[in-house]
Protein backbone atom coordinates (compact mmCIF):
# COMPACT_ATOMS: atom_id res chain seq x y z
CA UNK A 1 12.62 -14.69 -0.86
CA UNK A 2 8.89 -15.17 -0.62
CA UNK A 3 7.47 -17.04 2.39
CA UNK A 4 5.99 -19.73 0.14
CA UNK A 5 9.32 -20.41 -1.54
CA UNK A 6 11.08 -20.48 1.83
CA UNK A 7 8.54 -22.99 3.13
CA UNK A 8 8.97 -25.23 0.08
CA UNK A 9 12.76 -25.18 0.45
CA UNK A 10 12.44 -25.99 4.14
CA UNK A 11 10.15 -28.94 3.37
CA UNK A 12 12.62 -30.26 0.78
CA UNK A 13 15.48 -29.89 3.26
CA UNK A 14 13.57 -31.72 6.01
CA UNK A 15 12.65 -34.53 3.62
CA UNK A 16 16.28 -34.89 2.57
CA UNK A 17 17.49 -35.06 6.18
CA UNK A 18 14.83 -37.66 7.06
CA UNK A 19 15.84 -39.81 4.09
CA UNK A 20 19.53 -39.62 5.02
CA UNK A 21 18.77 -40.56 8.64
CA UNK A 22 16.54 -43.43 7.54
CA UNK A 23 19.28 -44.72 5.24
CA UNK A 24 21.87 -44.48 8.00
CA UNK A 25 19.52 -46.28 10.41
CA UNK A 26 19.28 -49.19 7.97
CA UNK A 27 23.05 -49.62 8.24
CA UNK A 28 23.78 -48.65 11.87
CA UNK A 29 21.20 -47.22 14.28
CA UNK A 30 23.63 -45.46 16.69
CA UNK A 31 25.18 -43.59 13.76
CA UNK A 32 21.72 -42.40 12.71
CA UNK A 33 21.09 -41.14 16.25
CA UNK A 34 24.37 -39.21 16.25
CA UNK A 35 23.65 -37.74 12.82
CA UNK A 36 20.15 -36.79 13.97
CA UNK A 37 21.58 -35.00 17.00
CA UNK A 38 24.05 -33.08 14.86
CA UNK A 39 21.31 -32.14 12.42
CA UNK A 40 19.19 -30.88 15.32
CA UNK A 41 22.00 -28.71 16.66
CA UNK A 42 22.63 -27.27 13.20
CA UNK A 43 18.93 -26.55 12.76
CA UNK A 44 18.80 -24.68 16.08
CA UNK A 45 21.91 -22.65 15.23
CA UNK A 46 20.46 -21.81 11.82
CA UNK A 47 17.16 -20.70 13.33
CA UNK A 48 18.95 -18.48 15.84
CA UNK A 49 21.12 -16.95 13.10
CA UNK A 50 18.00 -16.04 11.10
CA UNK A 51 16.67 -14.04 14.04
CA UNK A 52 19.71 -11.78 14.30
CA UNK A 53 18.83 -8.12 14.55
CA UNK A 54 19.38 -6.22 11.33
CA UNK A 55 22.37 -3.91 11.60
CA UNK A 56 23.85 -5.73 14.58
CA UNK A 57 27.44 -6.75 14.12
CA UNK A 58 28.09 -10.45 14.35
CA UNK A 59 29.33 -11.39 17.80
CA UNK A 60 28.09 -8.23 19.51
CA UNK A 61 30.30 -7.20 22.43
CA UNK A 62 32.22 -10.48 22.33
CA UNK A 63 33.71 -9.57 18.92
CA UNK A 64 36.24 -7.23 20.53
CA UNK A 65 37.34 -3.80 19.38
CA UNK A 66 35.52 -0.53 19.77
CA UNK A 67 32.11 0.32 18.45
CA UNK A 68 32.07 3.05 15.88
């Protein structure tokens, strides 16, 4: 995927999340805060998953079993 396309998709995703949070805030502000926190955690996890080293098995040493 080209960097430009990835940036456009990221902008669309951020806009969608902002609109959902704004809509939730119109109904119930604490729910919007909780949803925002969950979205932040998911964003951090996603960013960390993108930085995984190529060829590294998921879980590393914590996955159990022997390396081959």
